[in-house]
Amino acid sequence: MQRAQGTWPIEGDATAELQPKPAESLCWTFVLANKFEIDIDLALTETRSTIQINLHATIEGTAPPGNIPTSLALALI
């Protein structure tokens, strides 16, 4: 069942097994960016900006009055 879902069992310390996964993902992202001549600095900057804009719009549109100010919420990301 787990193979069909694309997951694998964790044997032992889950943190120790999962800790290298984000770094592996980043390494492969850099490899692909280099291979396809993508300016990763520009891509990250533009993506972060888009996320902030969309998050700001979502917070403004859905936050009940009196919740965390938008500027504070955006500073947390």
N, C-alpha and C. Protein backbone atom coordinates (compact mmCIF):
# COMPACT_ATOMS: atom_id res chain seq x y z
N MET A 1 0.82 -1.19 0.00
CA MET A 1 0.00 0.00 0.00
C MET A 1 0.87 1.26 0.00
N GLN A 2 1.91 1.27 0.82
CA GLN A 2 2.75 2.47 0.90
C GLN A 2 3.46 2.74 -0.42
N ARG A 3 3.92 1.69 -1.10
CA ARG A 3 4.57 1.91 -2.40
C ARG A 3 3.60 2.51 -3.40
N ALA A 4 2.37 2.06 -3.39
CA ALA A 4 1.37 2.60 -4.31
C ALA A 4 1.13 4.08 -4.05
N GLN A 5 1.28 4.50 -2.80
CA GLN A 5 1.08 5.90 -2.44
C GLN A 5 2.36 6.71 -2.61
N GLY A 6 3.45 6.07 -2.93
CA GLY A 6 4.71 6.78 -3.09
C GLY A 6 5.38 7.12 -1.77
N THR A 7 5.05 6.40 -0.70
CA THR A 7 5.67 6.63 0.60
C THR A 7 6.48 5.41 1.00
N TRP A 8 7.21 5.55 2.06
CA TRP A 8 8.00 4.43 2.55
C TRP A 8 7.90 4.41 4.07
N PRO A 9 8.10 3.24 4.66
CA PRO A 9 8.03 3.16 6.12
C PRO A 9 9.25 3.82 6.76
N ILE A 10 9.04 4.45 7.89
CA ILE A 10 10.12 5.03 8.67
C ILE A 10 10.55 3.97 9.68
N GLU A 11 11.80 3.61 9.62
CA GLU A 11 12.33 2.61 10.55
C GLU A 11 13.31 3.30 11.48
N GLY A 12 12.94 3.44 12.72
CA GLY A 12 13.82 4.10 13.69
C GLY A 12 13.42 5.55 13.88
N ASP A 13 14.43 6.41 13.94
CA ASP A 13 14.25 7.83 14.22
C ASP A 13 13.75 8.57 12.98
N ALA A 14 12.50 9.00 12.99
CA ALA A 14 11.91 9.67 11.84
C ALA A 14 12.66 10.95 11.49
N THR A 15 13.05 11.73 12.49
CA THR A 15 13.77 12.97 12.23
C THR A 15 15.09 12.70 11.54
N ALA A 16 15.83 11.72 12.01
CA ALA A 16 17.11 11.39 11.40
C ALA A 16 16.94 10.93 9.95
N GLU A 17 15.88 10.18 9.68
CA GLU A 17 15.65 9.71 8.32
C GLU A 17 15.17 10.82 7.39
N LEU A 18 14.39 11.74 7.93
CA LEU A 18 13.81 12.80 7.10
C LEU A 18 14.69 14.04 7.00
N GLN A 19 15.61 14.22 7.92
CA GLN A 19 16.43 15.43 7.97
C GLN A 19 17.14 15.74 6.65
N PRO A 20 17.73 14.78 5.95
CA PRO A 20 18.43 15.13 4.72
C PRO A 20 17.52 15.41 3.52
N LYS A 21 16.24 15.09 3.61
CA LYS A 21 15.35 15.22 2.46
C LYS A 21 15.23 16.65 1.92
N PRO A 22 15.03 17.67 2.76
CA PRO A 22 14.97 19.03 2.21
C PRO A 22 16.28 19.42 1.50
N ALA A 23 17.42 19.03 2.07
CA ALA A 23 18.70 19.35 1.44
C ALA A 23 18.83 18.65 0.09
N GLU A 24 18.40 17.39 0.02
CA GLU A 24 18.43 16.67 -1.26
C GLU A 24 17.56 17.38 -2.29
N SER A 25 16.39 17.82 -1.87
CA SER A 25 15.49 18.53 -2.78
C SER A 25 16.14 19.81 -3.30
N LEU A 26 16.77 20.56 -2.39
CA LEU A 26 17.45 21.78 -2.81
C LEU A 26 18.59 21.49 -3.77
N CYS A 27 19.37 20.47 -3.48
CA CYS A 27 20.48 20.12 -4.37
C CYS A 27 19.98 19.81 -5.77
N TRP A 28 18.92 19.00 -5.87
CA TRP A 28 18.38 18.67 -7.20
C TRP A 28 17.77 19.90 -7.86
N THR A 29 17.20 20.80 -7.09
CA THR A 29 16.67 22.04 -7.65
C THR A 29 17.80 22.86 -8.27
N PHE A 30 18.93 22.96 -7.57
CA PHE A 30 20.07 23.70 -8.10
C PHE A 30 20.65 23.03 -9.34
N VAL A 31 20.70 21.71 -9.34
CA VAL A 31 21.20 20.97 -10.51
C VAL A 31 20.32 21.26 -11.72
N LEU A 32 19.00 21.17 -11.53
CA LEU A 32 18.08 21.43 -12.65
C LEU A 32 18.15 22.88 -13.12
N ALA A 33 18.24 23.81 -12.18
CA ALA A 33 18.35 25.22 -12.55
C ALA A 33 19.61 25.46 -13.38
N ASN A 34 20.71 24.86 -12.97
CA ASN A 34 21.95 25.00 -13.71
C ASN A 34 21.83 24.38 -15.10
N LYS A 35 21.28 23.17 -15.17
CA LYS A 35 21.14 22.45 -16.44
C LYS A 35 20.30 23.24 -17.44
N PHE A 36 19.23 23.88 -16.96
CA PHE A 36 18.34 24.61 -17.85
C PHE A 36 18.61 26.11 -17.87
N GLU A 37 19.78 26.50 -17.31
CA GLU A 37 20.23 27.89 -17.30
C GLU A 37 19.18 28.83 -16.72
N ILE A 38 18.62 28.42 -15.59
CA ILE A 38 17.65 29.24 -14.86
C ILE A 38 18.39 30.04 -13.80
N ASP A 39 18.12 31.32 -13.75
CA ASP A 39 18.71 32.18 -12.72
C ASP A 39 17.96 31.91 -11.42
N ILE A 40 18.52 31.05 -10.59
CA ILE A 40 17.82 30.60 -9.38
C ILE A 40 17.60 31.75 -8.40
N ASP A 41 18.54 32.70 -8.32
CA ASP A 41 18.35 33.85 -7.44
C ASP A 41 17.13 34.66 -7.86
N LEU A 42 17.02 34.91 -9.16
CA LEU A 42 15.88 35.66 -9.68
C LEU A 42 14.59 34.87 -9.48
N ALA A 43 14.63 33.57 -9.76
CA ALA A 43 13.44 32.73 -9.60
C ALA A 43 12.96 32.73 -8.15
N LEU A 44 13.89 32.62 -7.21
CA LEU A 44 13.52 32.62 -5.79
C LEU A 44 12.93 33.97 -5.37
N THR A 45 13.56 35.04 -5.82
CA THR A 45 13.08 36.38 -5.48
C THR A 45 11.68 36.61 -6.02
N GLU A 46 11.47 36.26 -7.29
CA GLU A 46 10.15 36.46 -7.90
C GLU A 46 9.10 35.58 -7.25
N THR A 47 9.46 34.33 -6.95
CA THR A 47 8.51 33.41 -6.33
C THR A 47 8.14 33.89 -4.93
N ARG A 48 9.12 34.30 -4.16
CA ARG A 48 8.84 34.80 -2.80
C ARG A 48 7.94 36.02 -2.85
N SER A 49 8.20 36.91 -3.80
CA SER A 49 7.38 38.10 -3.95
C SER A 49 5.93 37.73 -4.29
N THR A 50 5.76 36.79 -5.21
CA THR A 50 4.42 36.34 -5.58
C THR A 50 3.70 35.72 -4.39
N ILE A 51 4.41 34.90 -3.63
CA ILE A 51 3.82 34.27 -2.45
C ILE A 51 3.39 35.34 -1.44
N GLN A 52 4.24 36.34 -1.22
CA GLN A 52 3.90 37.40 -0.27
C GLN A 52 2.67 38.18 -0.72
N ILE A 53 2.60 38.50 -2.01
CA ILE A 53 1.45 39.24 -2.53
C ILE A 53 0.18 38.43 -2.35
N ASN A 54 0.23 37.15 -2.72
CA ASN A 54 -0.95 36.30 -2.60
C ASN A 54 -1.34 36.07 -1.14
N LEU A 55 -0.34 35.91 -0.28
CA LEU A 55 -0.62 35.73 1.15
C LEU A 55 -1.27 36.99 1.72
N HIS A 56 -0.74 38.13 1.35
CA HIS A 56 -1.30 39.40 1.82
C HIS A 56 -2.77 39.50 1.41
N ALA A 57 -3.07 39.19 0.16
CA ALA A 57 -4.45 39.26 -0.33
C ALA A 57 -5.35 38.27 0.42
N THR A 58 -4.83 37.08 0.68
CA THR A 58 -5.62 36.07 1.40
C THR A 58 -5.89 36.51 2.82
N ILE A 59 -4.87 37.02 3.50
CA ILE A 59 -5.04 37.48 4.89
C ILE A 59 -6.04 38.63 4.94
N GLU A 60 -5.88 39.58 4.05
CA GLU A 60 -6.79 40.73 4.03
C GLU A 60 -8.23 40.29 3.77
N GLY A 61 -8.39 39.27 2.93
CA GLY A 61 -9.73 38.85 2.56
C GLY A 61 -10.39 37.88 3.51
N THR A 62 -9.61 37.24 4.38
CA THR A 62 -10.20 36.20 5.21
C THR A 62 -10.03 36.39 6.71
N ALA A 63 -9.13 37.25 7.13
CA ALA A 63 -8.86 37.40 8.56
C ALA A 63 -10.00 38.14 9.25
N PRO A 64 -10.51 37.59 10.35
CA PRO A 64 -11.52 38.31 11.12
C PRO A 64 -10.91 39.57 11.73
N PRO A 65 -11.71 40.58 11.95
CA PRO A 65 -11.19 41.81 12.56
C PRO A 65 -10.52 41.52 13.90
N GLY A 66 -9.40 42.20 14.14
CA GLY A 66 -8.70 42.05 15.41
C GLY A 66 -7.64 40.97 15.42
N ASN A 67 -7.46 40.25 14.32
CA ASN A 67 -6.41 39.23 14.27
C ASN A 67 -5.06 39.87 14.00
N ILE A 68 -4.06 39.04 13.81
CA ILE A 68 -2.70 39.50 13.56
C ILE A 68 -2.68 40.49 12.39
N PRO A 69 -2.04 41.64 12.56
CA PRO A 69 -1.92 42.58 11.44
C PRO A 69 -1.20 41.92 10.26
N THR A 70 -1.62 42.27 9.07
CA THR A 70 -1.05 41.68 7.86
C THR A 70 0.46 41.85 7.81
N SER A 71 0.96 43.02 8.17
CA SER A 71 2.39 43.26 8.11
C SER A 71 3.15 42.32 9.03
N LEU A 72 2.60 42.02 10.19
CA LEU A 72 3.25 41.10 11.12
C LEU A 72 3.20 39.68 10.56
N ALA A 73 2.07 39.28 10.01
CA ALA A 73 1.95 37.94 9.45
C ALA A 73 2.93 37.75 8.31
N LEU A 74 3.09 38.75 7.46
CA LEU A 74 4.02 38.65 6.33
C LEU A 74 5.46 38.61 6.82
N ALA A 75 5.76 39.29 7.91
CA ALA A 75 7.12 39.28 8.44
C ALA A 75 7.49 37.91 8.97
N LEU A 76 6.50 37.10 9.28
CA LEU A 76 6.76 35.77 9.83
C LEU A 76 7.19 34.77 8.77
N ILE A 77 7.01 35.08 7.47
CA ILE A 77 7.43 34.12 6.44
C ILE A 77 8.80 34.45 5.93
